[in-house]
PDB file of N, CA and C in Angstrom:
ATOM      1  N   UNK A   1       8.502   3.341  41.739  1.00  0.00           N
ATOM      2  CA  UNK A   1       8.176   2.568  40.578  1.00  0.00           C
ATOM      3  C   UNK A   1       7.167   3.336  39.736  1.00  0.00           C
ATOM      4  N   UNK A   2       7.431   3.447  38.472  1.00  0.00           N
ATOM      5  CA  UNK A   2       6.526   4.209  37.614  1.00  0.00           C
ATOM      6  C   UNK A   2       5.566   3.271  36.890  1.00  0.00           C
ATOM      7  N   UNK A   3       4.403   3.789  36.602  1.00  0.00           N
ATOM      8  CA  UNK A   3       3.395   3.003  35.885  1.00  0.00           C
ATOM      9  C   UNK A   3       3.800   2.885  34.418  1.00  0.00           C
ATOM     10  N   UNK A   4       3.467   1.755  33.804  1.00  0.00           N
ATOM     11  CA  UNK A   4       3.820   1.603  32.392  1.00  0.00           C
ATOM     12  C   UNK A   4       3.040   2.594  31.529  1.00  0.00           C
ATOM     13  N   UNK A   5       3.702   3.073  30.496  1.00  0.00           N
ATOM     14  CA  UNK A   5       3.053   4.013  29.587  1.00  0.00           C
ATOM     15  C   UNK A   5       2.069   3.266  28.700  1.00  0.00           C
ATOM     16  N   UNK A   6       0.942   3.874  28.461  1.00  0.00           N
ATOM     17  CA  UNK A   6      -0.014   3.285  27.534  1.00  0.00           C
ATOM     18  C   UNK A   6       0.130   3.975  26.188  1.00  0.00           C
ATOM     19  N   UNK A   7       0.077   3.198  25.146  1.00  0.00           N
ATOM     20  CA  UNK A   7       0.173   3.728  23.788  1.00  0.00           C
ATOM     21  C   UNK A   7      -1.224   4.062  23.295  1.00  0.00           C
ATOM     22  N   UNK A   8      -1.338   5.048  22.493  1.00  0.00           N
ATOM     23  CA  UNK A   8      -2.645   5.438  21.978  1.00  0.00           C
ATOM     24  C   UNK A   8      -3.029   4.544  20.800  1.00  0.00           C
ATOM     25  N   UNK A   9      -4.299   4.564  20.490  1.00  0.00           N
ATOM     26  CA  UNK A   9      -4.801   3.798  19.354  1.00  0.00           C
ATOM     27  C   UNK A   9      -4.247   4.352  18.047  1.00  0.00           C
ATOM     28  N   UNK A  10      -3.922   5.615  18.025  1.00  0.00           N
ATOM     29  CA  UNK A  10      -3.370   6.229  16.816  1.00  0.00           C
ATOM     30  C   UNK A  10      -2.037   5.589  16.420  1.00  0.00           C
ATOM     31  N   UNK A  11      -1.228   5.192  17.396  1.00  0.00           N
ATOM     32  CA  UNK A  11       0.039   4.535  17.074  1.00  0.00           C
ATOM     33  C   UNK A  11      -0.198   3.203  16.371  1.00  0.00           C
ATOM     34  N   UNK A  12      -1.180   2.453  16.823  1.00  0.00           N
ATOM     35  CA  UNK A  12      -1.509   1.185  16.175  1.00  0.00           C
ATOM     36  C   UNK A  12      -2.047   1.430  14.770  1.00  0.00           C
ATOM     37  N   UNK A  13      -2.873   2.439  14.616  1.00  0.00           N
ATOM     38  CA  UNK A  13      -3.437   2.730  13.308  1.00  0.00           C
ATOM     39  C   UNK A  13      -2.356   3.190  12.329  1.00  0.00           C
ATOM     40  N   UNK A  14      -1.362   3.938  12.802  1.00  0.00           N
ATOM     41  CA  UNK A  14      -0.246   4.340  11.937  1.00  0.00           C
ATOM     42  C   UNK A  14       0.505   3.118  11.430  1.00  0.00           C
ATOM     43  N   UNK A  15       0.634   2.089  12.284  1.00  0.00           N
ATOM     44  CA  UNK A  15       1.300   0.861  11.858  1.00  0.00           C
ATOM     45  C   UNK A  15       0.565   0.199  10.700  1.00  0.00           C
ATOM     46  N   UNK A  16      -0.747   0.286  10.699  1.00  0.00           N
ATOM     47  CA  UNK A  16      -1.560  -0.439   9.729  1.00  0.00           C
ATOM     48  C   UNK A  16      -1.842   0.322   8.443  1.00  0.00           C
ATOM     49  N   UNK A  17      -1.430   1.571   8.344  1.00  0.00           N
ATOM     50  CA  UNK A  17      -1.754   2.364   7.154  1.00  0.00           C
ATOM     51  C   UNK A  17      -1.129   1.756   5.899  1.00  0.00           C
ATOM     52  N   UNK A  18       0.128   1.400   5.944  1.00  0.00           N
ATOM     53  CA  UNK A  18       0.800   0.826   4.769  1.00  0.00           C
ATOM     54  C   UNK A  18       0.143  -0.451   4.275  1.00  0.00           C
ATOM     55  N   UNK A  19      -0.044  -1.455   5.130  1.00  0.00           N
ATOM     56  CA  UNK A  19      -0.718  -2.669   4.666  1.00  0.00           C
ATOM     57  C   UNK A  19      -2.160  -2.438   4.205  1.00  0.00           C
ATOM     58  N   UNK A  20      -2.870  -1.497   4.811  1.00  0.00           N
ATOM     59  CA  UNK A  20      -4.244  -1.217   4.375  1.00  0.00           C
ATOM     60  C   UNK A  20      -4.233  -0.579   2.982  1.00  0.00           C
ATOM     61  N   UNK A  21      -3.290   0.318   2.709  1.00  0.00           N
ATOM     62  CA  UNK A  21      -3.179   0.926   1.381  1.00  0.00           C
ATOM     63  C   UNK A  21      -2.844  -0.148   0.345  1.00  0.00           C
ATOM     64  N   UNK A  22      -1.963  -1.056   0.682  1.00  0.00           N
ATOM     65  CA  UNK A  22      -1.616  -2.172  -0.204  1.00  0.00           C
ATOM     66  C   UNK A  22      -2.862  -3.023  -0.474  1.00  0.00           C
ATOM     67  N   UNK A  23      -3.629  -3.331   0.551  1.00  0.00           N
ATOM     68  CA  UNK A  23      -4.841  -4.119   0.409  1.00  0.00           C
ATOM     69  C   UNK A  23      -5.852  -3.415  -0.500  1.00  0.00           C
ATOM     70  N   UNK A  24      -6.026  -2.113  -0.306  1.00  0.00           N
ATOM     71  CA  UNK A  24      -6.967  -1.367  -1.138  1.00  0.00           C
ATOM     72  C   UNK A  24      -6.521  -1.353  -2.600  1.00  0.00           C
ATOM     73  N   UNK A  25      -5.228  -1.267  -2.829  1.00  0.00           N
ATOM     74  CA  UNK A  25      -4.713  -1.326  -4.196  1.00  0.00           C
ATOM     75  C   UNK A  25      -5.044  -2.670  -4.823  1.00  0.00           C
ATOM     76  N   UNK A  26      -4.856  -3.729  -4.074  1.00  0.00           N
ATOM     77  CA  UNK A  26      -5.153  -5.068  -4.587  1.00  0.00           C
ATOM     78  C   UNK A  26      -6.641  -5.218  -4.889  1.00  0.00           C
ATOM     79  N   UNK A  27      -7.495  -4.705  -4.017  1.00  0.00           N
ATOM     80  CA  UNK A  27      -8.942  -4.778  -4.236  1.00  0.00           C
ATOM     81  C   UNK A  27      -9.329  -3.979  -5.480  1.00  0.00           C
ATOM     82  N   UNK A  28      -8.735  -2.804  -5.657  1.00  0.00           N
ATOM     83  CA  UNK A  28      -9.048  -1.983  -6.825  1.00  0.00           C
ATOM     84  C   UNK A  28      -8.616  -2.692  -8.107  1.00  0.00           C
ATOM     85  N   UNK A  29      -7.414  -3.280  -8.112  1.00  0.00           N
ATOM     86  CA  UNK A  29      -6.951  -3.970  -9.316  1.00  0.00           C
ATOM     87  C   UNK A  29      -7.845  -5.151  -9.679  1.00  0.00           C
ATOM     88  N   UNK A  30      -8.130  -6.010  -8.719  1.00  0.00           N
ATOM     89  CA  UNK A  30      -8.951  -7.185  -9.009  1.00  0.00           C
ATOM     90  C   UNK A  30     -10.390  -6.800  -9.306  1.00  0.00           C
ATOM     91  N   UNK A  31     -10.936  -5.825  -8.595  1.00  0.00           N
ATOM     92  CA  UNK A  31     -12.301  -5.375  -8.856  1.00  0.00           C
ATOM     93  C   UNK A  31     -12.426  -4.736 -10.227  1.00  0.00           C
ATOM     94  N   UNK A  32     -11.445  -3.918 -10.587  1.00  0.00           N
ATOM     95  CA  UNK A  32     -11.480  -3.266 -11.898  1.00  0.00           C
ATOM     96  C   UNK A  32     -11.346  -4.289 -13.015  1.00  0.00           C
ATOM     97  N   UNK A  33     -10.499  -5.271 -12.820  1.00  0.00           N
ATOM     98  CA  UNK A  33     -10.367  -6.291 -13.861  1.00  0.00           C
ATOM     99  C   UNK A  33     -11.652  -7.091 -14.011  1.00  0.00           C
ATOM    100  N   UNK A  34     -12.312  -7.360 -12.907  1.00  0.00           N
ATOM    101  CA  UNK A  34     -13.584  -8.084 -12.984  1.00  0.00           C
ATOM    102  C   UNK A  34     -14.653  -7.252 -13.690  1.00  0.00           C
ATOM    103  N   UNK A  35     -14.643  -5.932 -13.491  1.00  0.00           N
ATOM    104  CA  UNK A  35     -15.652  -5.075 -14.114  1.00  0.00           C
ATOM    105  C   UNK A  35     -15.291  -4.677 -15.543  1.00  0.00           C
ATOM    106  N   UNK A  36     -14.030  -4.325 -15.782  1.00  0.00           N
ATOM    107  CA  UNK A  36     -13.623  -3.832 -17.095  1.00  0.00           C
ATOM    108  C   UNK A  36     -13.523  -4.971 -18.111  1.00  0.00           C
ATOM    109  N   UNK A  37     -13.094  -6.121 -17.670  1.00  0.00           N
ATOM    110  CA  UNK A  37     -12.871  -7.225 -18.598  1.00  0.00           C
ATOM    111  C   UNK A  37     -14.098  -8.118 -18.773  1.00  0.00           C
ATOM    112  N   UNK A  38     -15.282  -7.602 -18.509  1.00  0.00           N
ATOM    113  CA  UNK A  38     -16.495  -8.387 -18.736  1.00  0.00           C
ATOM    114  C   UNK A  38     -16.680  -8.540 -20.248  1.00  0.00           C
ATOM    115  N   UNK A  39     -17.232  -9.655 -20.711  1.00  0.00           N
ATOM    116  CA  UNK A  39     -17.291  -9.938 -22.145  1.00  0.00           C
ATOM    117  C   UNK A  39     -17.852  -8.838 -23.051  1.00  0.00           C
ATOM    118  N   UNK A  40     -18.920  -8.111 -22.739  1.00  0.00           N
ATOM    119  CA  UNK A  40     -19.327  -7.105 -23.723  1.00  0.00           C
ATOM    120  C   UNK A  40     -18.318  -5.969 -23.884  1.00  0.00           C
ATOM    121  N   UNK A  41     -17.630  -5.616 -22.827  1.00  0.00           N
ATOM    122  CA  UNK A  41     -16.699  -4.494 -22.913  1.00  0.00           C
ATOM    123  C   UNK A  41     -15.315  -5.010 -23.266  1.00  0.00           C
ATOM    124  N   UNK A  42     -14.674  -5.693 -22.342  1.00  0.00           N
ATOM    125  CA  UNK A  42     -13.388  -6.339 -22.557  1.00  0.00           C
ATOM    126  C   UNK A  42     -12.278  -5.447 -23.078  1.00  0.00           C
ATOM    127  N   UNK A  43     -12.103  -4.269 -22.537  1.00  0.00           N
ATOM    128  CA  UNK A  43     -11.081  -3.334 -23.004  1.00  0.00           C
ATOM    129  C   UNK A  43      -9.788  -3.518 -22.206  1.00  0.00           C
ATOM    130  N   UNK A  44      -8.807  -4.134 -22.831  1.00  0.00           N
ATOM    131  CA  UNK A  44      -7.523  -4.325 -22.184  1.00  0.00           C
ATOM    132  C   UNK A  44      -6.771  -3.024 -21.995  1.00  0.00           C
ATOM    133  N   UNK A  45      -6.949  -2.094 -22.938  1.00  0.00           N
ATOM    134  CA  UNK A  45      -6.268  -0.802 -22.842  1.00  0.00           C
ATOM    135  C   UNK A  45      -6.779  -0.006 -21.639  1.00  0.00           C
ATOM    136  N   UNK A  46      -8.093  -0.015 -21.410  1.00  0.00           N
ATOM    137  CA  UNK A  46      -8.653   0.699 -20.256  1.00  0.00           C
ATOM    138  C   UNK A  46      -8.135   0.099 -18.950  1.00  0.00           C
ATOM    139  N   UNK A  47      -8.011  -1.212 -18.928  1.00  0.00           N
ATOM    140  CA  UNK A  47      -7.503  -1.873 -17.711  1.00  0.00           C
ATOM    141  C   UNK A  47      -6.047  -1.511 -17.469  1.00  0.00           C
ATOM    142  N   UNK A  48      -5.262  -1.422 -18.532  1.00  0.00           N
ATOM    143  CA  UNK A  48      -3.853  -1.043 -18.372  1.00  0.00           C
ATOM    144  C   UNK A  48      -3.728   0.376 -17.807  1.00  0.00           C
ATOM    145  N   UNK A  49      -4.514   1.316 -18.342  1.00  0.00           N
ATOM    146  CA  UNK A  49      -4.453   2.691 -17.862  1.00  0.00           C
ATOM    147  C   UNK A  49      -4.948   2.797 -16.431  1.00  0.00           C
ATOM    148  N   UNK A  50      -6.028   2.090 -16.118  1.00  0.00           N
ATOM    149  CA  UNK A  50      -6.575   2.141 -14.760  1.00  0.00           C
ATOM    150  C   UNK A  50      -5.587   1.517 -13.765  1.00  0.00           C
ATOM    151  N   UNK A  51      -4.991   0.396 -14.147  1.00  0.00           N
ATOM    152  CA  UNK A  51      -4.013  -0.249 -13.268  1.00  0.00           C
ATOM    153  C   UNK A  51      -2.779   0.601 -13.048  1.00  0.00           C
ATOM    154  N   UNK A  52      -2.314   1.259 -14.116  1.00  0.00           N
ATOM    155  CA  UNK A  52      -1.146   2.133 -13.983  1.00  0.00           C
ATOM    156  C   UNK A  52      -1.469   3.331 -13.098  1.00  0.00           C
ATOM    157  N   UNK A  53      -2.642   3.920 -13.284  1.00  0.00           N
ATOM    158  CA  UNK A  53      -3.031   5.074 -12.463  1.00  0.00           C
ATOM    159  C   UNK A  53      -3.181   4.682 -10.995  1.00  0.00           C
ATOM    160  N   UNK A  54      -3.804   3.537 -10.741  1.00  0.00           N
ATOM    161  CA  UNK A  54      -3.978   3.071  -9.355  1.00  0.00           C
ATOM    162  C   UNK A  54      -2.629   2.783  -8.707  1.00  0.00           C
ATOM    163  N   UNK A  55      -1.719   2.187  -9.460  1.00  0.00           N
ATOM    164  CA  UNK A  55      -0.403   1.851  -8.917  1.00  0.00           C
ATOM    165  C   UNK A  55       0.403   3.111  -8.620  1.00  0.00           C
ATOM    166  N   UNK A  56       0.378   4.078  -9.511  1.00  0.00           N
ATOM    167  CA  UNK A  56       1.120   5.324  -9.285  1.00  0.00           C
ATOM    168  C   UNK A  56       0.552   6.076  -8.081  1.00  0.00           C
ATOM    169  N   UNK A  57      -0.781   6.131  -7.981  1.00  0.00           N
ATOM    170  CA  UNK A  57      -1.400   6.814  -6.844  1.00  0.00           C
ATOM    171  C   UNK A  57      -1.072   6.106  -5.530  1.00  0.00           C
ATOM    172  N   UNK A  58      -1.085   4.785  -5.543  1.00  0.00           N
ATOM    173  CA  UNK A  58      -0.786   4.025  -4.332  1.00  0.00           C
ATOM    174  C   UNK A  58       0.673   4.196  -3.913  1.00  0.00           C
ATOM    175  N   UNK A  59       1.581   4.137  -4.878  1.00  0.00           N
ATOM    176  CA  UNK A  59       2.995   4.340  -4.546  1.00  0.00           C
ATOM    177  C   UNK A  59       3.241   5.760  -4.036  1.00  0.00           C
ATOM    178  N   UNK A  60       2.513   6.731  -4.566  1.00  0.00           N
ATOM    179  CA  UNK A  60       2.621   8.098  -4.061  1.00  0.00           C
ATOM    180  C   UNK A  60       2.142   8.210  -2.622  1.00  0.00           C
ATOM    181  N   UNK A  61       1.027   7.539  -2.322  1.00  0.00           N
ATOM    182  CA  UNK A  61       0.515   7.562  -0.946  1.00  0.00           C
ATOM    183  C   UNK A  61       1.488   6.881   0.010  1.00  0.00           C
ATOM    184  N   UNK A  62       2.086   5.780  -0.424  1.00  0.00           N
ATOM    185  CA  UNK A  62       3.062   5.096   0.437  1.00  0.00           C
ATOM    186  C   UNK A  62       4.339   5.921   0.598  1.00  0.00           C
ATOM    187  N   UNK A  63       4.731   6.659  -0.434  1.00  0.00           N
ATOM    188  CA  UNK A  63       5.900   7.539  -0.316  1.00  0.00           C
ATOM    189  C   UNK A  63       5.629   8.666   0.678  1.00  0.00           C
ATOM    190  N   UNK A  64       4.408   9.193   0.652  1.00  0.00           N
ATOM    191  CA  UNK A  64       4.059  10.232   1.630  1.00  0.00           C
ATOM    192  C   UNK A  64       4.049   9.658   3.041  1.00  0.00           C
ATOM    193  N   UNK A  65       3.534   8.446   3.206  1.00  0.00           N
ATOM    194  CA  UNK A  65       3.553   7.801   4.524  1.00  0.00           C
ATOM    195  C   UNK A  65       4.985   7.587   4.995  1.00  0.00           C
ATOM    196  N   UNK A  66       5.863   7.171   4.095  1.00  0.00           N
ATOM    197  CA  UNK A  66       7.266   6.972   4.461  1.00  0.00           C
ATOM    198  C   UNK A  66       7.919   8.295   4.862  1.00  0.00           C
ATOM    199  N   UNK A  67       7.617   9.362   4.139  1.00  0.00           N
ATOM    200  CA  UNK A  67       8.189  10.671   4.472  1.00  0.00           C
ATOM    201  C   UNK A  67       7.714  11.140   5.847  1.00  0.00           C
ATOM    202  N   UNK A  68       6.436  10.942   6.139  1.00  0.00           N
ATOM    203  CA  UNK A  68       5.905  11.323   7.457  1.00  0.00           C
ATOM    204  C   UNK A  68       6.547  10.472   8.548  1.00  0.00           C
ATOM    205  N   UNK A  69       6.737   9.184   8.271  1.00  0.00           N
ATOM    206  CA  UNK A  69       7.355   8.296   9.266  1.00  0.00           C
ATOM    207  C   UNK A  69       8.799   8.699   9.536  1.00  0.00           C
ATOM    208  N   UNK A  70       9.531   9.062   8.489  1.00  0.00           N
ATOM    209  CA  UNK A  70      10.923   9.497   8.676  1.00  0.00           C
ATOM    210  C   UNK A  70      10.961  10.767   9.518  1.00  0.00           C
ATOM    211  N   UNK A  71      10.058  11.700   9.224  1.00  0.00           N
ATOM    212  CA  UNK A  71      10.013  12.947   9.998  1.00  0.00           C
ATOM    213  C   UNK A  71       9.663  12.666  11.450  1.00  0.00           C
ATOM    214  N   UNK A  72       8.726  11.736  11.686  1.00  0.00           N
ATOM    215  CA  UNK A  72       8.330  11.423  13.059  1.00  0.00           C
ATOM    216  C   UNK A  72       9.468  10.725  13.813  1.00  0.00           C
ATOM    217  N   UNK A  73      10.259   9.912  13.123  1.00  0.00           N
ATOM    218  CA  UNK A  73      11.407   9.260  13.783  1.00  0.00           C
ATOM    219  C   UNK A  73      12.451  10.294  14.157  1.00  0.00           C
ATOM    220  N   UNK A  74      12.700  11.256  13.270  1.00  0.00           N
ATOM    221  CA  UNK A  74      13.707  12.280  13.551  1.00  0.00           C
ATOM    222  C   UNK A  74      13.266  13.222  14.666  1.00  0.00           C
ATOM    223  N   UNK A  75      11.958  13.432  14.811  1.00  0.00           N
ATOM    224  CA  UNK A  75      11.447  14.342  15.836  1.00  0.00           C
ATOM    225  C   UNK A  75      11.272  13.676  17.197  1.00  0.00           C
ATOM    226  N   UNK A  76      11.395  12.351  17.262  1.00  0.00           N
ATOM    227  CA  UNK A  76      11.161  11.641  18.519  1.00  0.00           C
ATOM    228  C   UNK A  76      12.326  11.868  19.478  1.00  0.00           C
ATOM    229  N   UNK A  77      12.024  12.088  20.749  1.00  0.00           N
ATOM    230  CA  UNK A  77      13.097  12.208  21.739  1.00  0.00           C
ATOM    231  C   UNK A  77      13.838  10.879  21.900  1.00  0.00           C
ATOM    232  N   UNK A  78      15.093  10.969  22.247  1.00  0.00           N
ATOM    233  CA  UNK A  78      15.926   9.768  22.369  1.00  0.00           C
ATOM    234  C   UNK A  78      15.455   8.813  23.466  1.00  0.00           C
ATOM    235  N   UNK A  79      14.842   9.353  24.526  1.00  0.00           N
ATOM    236  CA  UNK A  79      14.457   8.479  25.643  1.00  0.00           C
ATOM    237  C   UNK A  79      13.181   7.688  25.364  1.00  0.00           C
ATOM    238  N   UNK A  80      12.466   7.999  24.299  1.00  0.00           N
ATOM    239  CA  UNK A  80      11.244   7.265  23.974  1.00  0.00           C
ATOM    240  C   UNK A  80      11.559   6.191  22.936  1.00  0.00           C
ATOM    241  N   UNK A  81      12.165   5.116  23.388  1.00  0.00           N
ATOM    242  CA  UNK A  81      12.564   4.062  22.470  1.00  0.00           C
ATOM    243  C   UNK A  81      11.373   3.300  21.914  1.00  0.00           C
ATOM    244  N   UNK A  82      10.290   3.169  22.686  1.00  0.00           N
ATOM    245  CA  UNK A  82       9.124   2.458  22.174  1.00  0.00           C
ATOM    246  C   UNK A  82       8.445   3.254  21.063  1.00  0.00           C
ATOM    247  N   UNK A  83       8.386   4.565  21.178  1.00  0.00           N
ATOM    248  CA  UNK A  83       7.803   5.395  20.126  1.00  0.00           C
ATOM    249  C   UNK A  83       8.666   5.340  18.871  1.00  0.00           C
ATOM    250  N   UNK A  84       9.979   5.372  19.058  1.00  0.00           N
ATOM    251  CA  UNK A  84      10.887   5.277  17.918  1.00  0.00           C
ATOM    252  C   UNK A  84      10.742   3.931  17.222  1.00  0.00           C
ATOM    253  N   UNK A  85      10.604   2.871  18.017  1.00  0.00           N
ATOM    254  CA  UNK A  85      10.415   1.537  17.441  1.00  0.00           C
ATOM    255  C   UNK A  85       9.138   1.478  16.613  1.00  0.00           C
ATOM    256  N   UNK A  86       8.033   2.010  17.137  1.00  0.00           N
ATOM    257  CA  UNK A  86       6.767   1.987  16.405  1.00  0.00           C
ATOM    258  C   UNK A  86       6.863   2.806  15.114  1.00  0.00           C
ATOM    259  N   UNK A  87       7.541   3.919  15.158  1.00  0.00           N
ATOM    260  CA  UNK A  87       7.655   4.767  13.966  1.00  0.00           C
ATOM    261  C   UNK A  87       8.564   4.128  12.923  1.00  0.00           C
ATOM    262  N   UNK A  88       9.640   3.477  13.352  1.00  0.00           N
ATOM    263  CA  UNK A  88      10.502   2.771  12.407  1.00  0.00           C
ATOM    264  C   UNK A  88       9.775   1.565  11.819  1.00  0.00           C
ATOM    265  N   UNK A  89       8.967   0.898  12.617  1.00  0.00           N
ATOM    266  CA  UNK A  89       8.184  -0.225  12.123  1.00  0.00           C
ATOM    267  C   UNK A  89       7.153   0.245  11.103  1.00  0.00           C
ATOM    268  N   UNK A  90       6.558   1.405  11.331  1.00  0.00           N
ATOM    269  CA  UNK A  90       5.627   1.981  10.362  1.00  0.00           C
ATOM    270  C   UNK A  90       6.326   2.254   9.040  1.00  0.00           C
ATOM    271  N   UNK A  91       7.537   2.782   9.114  1.00  0.00           N
ATOM    272  CA  UNK A  91       8.313   3.051   7.909  1.00  0.00           C
ATOM    273  C   UNK A  91       8.622   1.753   7.166  1.00  0.00           C
ATOM    274  N   UNK A  92       9.053   0.740   7.886  1.00  0.00           N
ATOM    275  CA  UNK A  92       9.382  -0.532   7.238  1.00  0.00           C
ATOM    276  C   UNK A  92       8.148  -1.204   6.642  1.00  0.00           C
ATOM    277  N   UNK A  93       7.011  -1.103   7.310  1.00  0.00           N
ATOM    278  CA  UNK A  93       5.783  -1.658   6.753  1.00  0.00           C
ATOM    279  C   UNK A  93       5.346  -0.894   5.502  1.00  0.00           C
ATOM    280  N   UNK A  94       5.586   0.410   5.462  1.00  0.00           N
ATOM    281  CA  UNK A  94       5.271   1.189   4.257  1.00  0.00           C
ATOM    282  C   UNK A  94       6.158   0.753   3.093  1.00  0.00           C
ATOM    283  N   UNK A  95       7.429   0.511   3.365  1.00  0.00           N
ATOM    284  CA  UNK A  95       8.332   0.039   2.318  1.00  0.00           C
ATOM    285  C   UNK A  95       7.970  -1.364   1.847  1.00  0.00           C
ATOM    286  N   UNK A  96       7.629  -2.239   2.777  1.00  0.00           N
ATOM    287  CA  UNK A  96       7.190  -3.582   2.413  1.00  0.00           C
ATOM    288  C   UNK A  96       5.900  -3.538   1.606  1.00  0.00           C
ATOM    289  N   UNK A  97       5.001  -2.640   1.958  1.00  0.00           N
ATOM    290  CA  UNK A  97       3.755  -2.489   1.216  1.00  0.00           C
ATOM    291  C   UNK A  97       4.020  -1.967  -0.195  1.00  0.00           C
ATOM    292  N   UNK A  98       5.008  -1.095  -0.361  1.00  0.00           N
ATOM    293  CA  UNK A  98       5.368  -0.611  -1.698  1.00  0.00           C
ATOM    294  C   UNK A  98       5.884  -1.758  -2.561  1.00  0.00           C
ATOM    295  N   UNK A  99       6.666  -2.652  -1.966  1.00  0.00           N
ATOM    296  CA  UNK A  99       7.127  -3.826  -2.701  1.00  0.00           C
ATOM    297  C   UNK A  99       5.933  -4.697  -3.083  1.00  0.00           C
ATOM    298  N   UNK A 100       4.985  -4.846  -2.180  1.00  0.00           N
ATOM    299  CA  UNK A 100       3.785  -5.621  -2.469  1.00  0.00           C
ATOM    300  C   UNK A 100       2.939  -5.000  -3.567  1.00  0.00           C
ATOM    301  N   UNK A 101       2.850  -3.676  -3.597  1.00  0.00           N
ATOM    302  CA  UNK A 101       2.094  -2.988  -4.652  1.00  0.00           C
ATOM    303  C   UNK A 101       2.744  -3.237  -6.007  1.00  0.00           C
ATOM    304  N   UNK A 102       4.060  -3.122  -6.068  1.00  0.00           N
ATOM    305  CA  UNK A 102       4.767  -3.378  -7.330  1.00  0.00           C
ATOM    306  C   UNK A 102       4.581  -4.828  -7.750  1.00  0.00           C
ATOM    307  N   UNK A 103       4.658  -5.744  -6.793  1.00  0.00           N
ATOM    308  CA  UNK A 103       4.498  -7.163  -7.086  1.00  0.00           C
ATOM    309  C   UNK A 103       3.096  -7.482  -7.604  1.00  0.00           C
ATOM    310  N   UNK A 104       2.077  -6.850  -7.019  1.00  0.00           N
ATOM    311  CA  UNK A 104       0.713  -7.134  -7.463  1.00  0.00           C
ATOM    312  C   UNK A 104       0.370  -6.417  -8.764  1.00  0.00           C
ATOM    313  N   UNK A 105       1.107  -5.368  -9.136  1.00  0.00           N
ATOM    314  CA  UNK A 105       0.880  -4.688 -10.405  1.00  0.00           C
ATOM    315  C   UNK A 105       1.714  -5.279 -11.535  1.00  0.00           C
ATOM    316  N   UNK A 106       2.683  -6.100 -11.209  1.00  0.00           N
ATOM    317  CA  UNK A 106       3.560  -6.693 -12.214  1.00  0.00           C
ATOM    318  C   UNK A 106       2.818  -7.516 -13.264  1.00  0.00           C
ATOM    319  N   UNK A 107       1.771  -8.278 -12.927  1.00  0.00           N
ATOM    320  CA  UNK A 107       1.058  -9.021 -13.971  1.00  0.00           C
ATOM    321  C   UNK A 107       0.437  -8.137 -15.053  1.00  0.00           C
ATOM    322  N   UNK A 108       0.147  -6.874 -14.747  1.00  0.00           N
ATOM    323  CA  UNK A 108      -0.371  -5.979 -15.784  1.00  0.00           C
ATOM    324  C   UNK A 108       0.637  -5.798 -16.918  1.00  0.00           C
ATOM    325  N   UNK A 109       1.906  -5.839 -16.586  1.00  0.00           N
ATOM    326  CA  UNK A 109       2.941  -5.651 -17.595  1.00  0.00           C
ATOM    327  C   UNK A 109       3.361  -6.968 -18.253  1.00  0.00           C
ATOM    328  N   UNK A 110       3.153  -8.088 -17.576  1.00  0.00           N
ATOM    329  CA  UNK A 110       3.680  -9.353 -18.091  1.00  0.00           C
ATOM    330  C   UNK A 110       2.640 -10.276 -18.713  1.00  0.00           C
ATOM    331  N   UNK A 111       1.388 -10.140 -18.318  1.00  0.00           N
ATOM    332  CA  UNK A 111       0.343 -11.056 -18.769  1.00  0.00           C
ATOM    333  C   UNK A 111      -0.644 -10.278 -19.637  1.00  0.00           C
ATOM    334  N   UNK A 112      -1.132 -10.871 -20.712  1.00  0.00           N
ATOM    335  CA  UNK A 112      -2.136 -10.159 -21.516  1.00  0.00           C
ATOM    336  C   UNK A 112      -3.373  -9.819 -20.665  1.00  0.00           C
ATOM    337  N   UNK A 113      -3.780  -8.558 -20.740  1.00  0.00           N
ATOM    338  CA  UNK A 113      -4.892  -8.075 -19.944  1.00  0.00           C
ATOM    339  C   UNK A 113      -6.205  -8.441 -20.634  1.00  0.00           C
ATOM    340  N   UNK A 114      -7.191  -8.836 -19.846  1.00  0.00           N
ATOM    341  CA  UNK A 114      -8.520  -9.206 -20.324  1.00  0.00           C
ATOM    342  C   UNK A 114      -8.470 -10.368 -21.321  1.00  0.00           C
ATOM    343  N   UNK A 115      -7.490 -11.255 -21.188  1.00  0.00           N
ATOM    344  CA  UNK A 115      -7.415 -12.434 -22.052  1.00  0.00           C
ATOM    345  C   UNK A 115      -8.397 -13.481 -21.520  1.00  0.00           C
ATOM    346  N   UNK A 116      -9.032 -14.178 -22.426  1.00  0.00           N
ATOM    347  CA  UNK A 116      -9.991 -15.204 -21.987  1.00  0.00           C
ATOM    348  C   UNK A 116      -9.230 -16.405 -21.452  1.00  0.00           C
ATOM    349  N   UNK A 117      -9.792 -17.038 -20.433  1.00  0.00           N
ATOM    350  CA  UNK A 117      -9.136 -18.177 -19.803  1.00  0.00           C
ATOM    351  C   UNK A 117      -9.333 -19.440 -20.621  1.00  0.00           C
ATOM    352  N   UNK A 118     -10.359 -19.490 -21.399  1.00  0.00           N
ATOM    353  CA  UNK A 118     -10.623 -20.694 -22.205  1.00  0.00           C
ATOM    354  C   UNK A 118      -9.691 -20.765 -23.401  1.00  0.00           C
ATOM    355  N   UNK A 119      -9.361 -21.990 -23.807  1.00  0.00           N
ATOM    356  CA  UNK A 119      -8.415 -22.095 -24.894  1.00  0.00           C
ATOM    357  C   UNK A 119      -8.875 -22.818 -26.060  1.00  0.00           C
TER     358      UNK A 119
END
C-alpha cells in the first residue's frame, strides 16, 4: 500500500492566481473611481483611460496565466491525474476570471463616468 501523495502549497496558489488578479482589477477600478471622480477633479476622461489600461493589463496577465497553464497541462505525465486536474482547473479559473474582468469593466463603456448620483 502506498502513502497518499501530498500536494505542495504552490499548486493551491496557482489555483488562486486568476481570481486574485480579477479581485485586484476590481479594487483598482473602484479605488481609482473613488479617487479620480472626487468633486474638485472629476475627470471622466482620465477614469476612462485608467480603466482601459487596467483592463488591458489584467487581461494580458490572465492570458499569460492561461498560456502557462496550457503548457503545464501538456507537460504533465499521463499517470498524474490529480496534477492534470489542478492545472486544468487553474486554466478554467483564469478564463472565468477573464470573463469577470470584462464584466466589471463593462460599466466604463455603458455608464457615464464620474456622473453625480444626485439628480
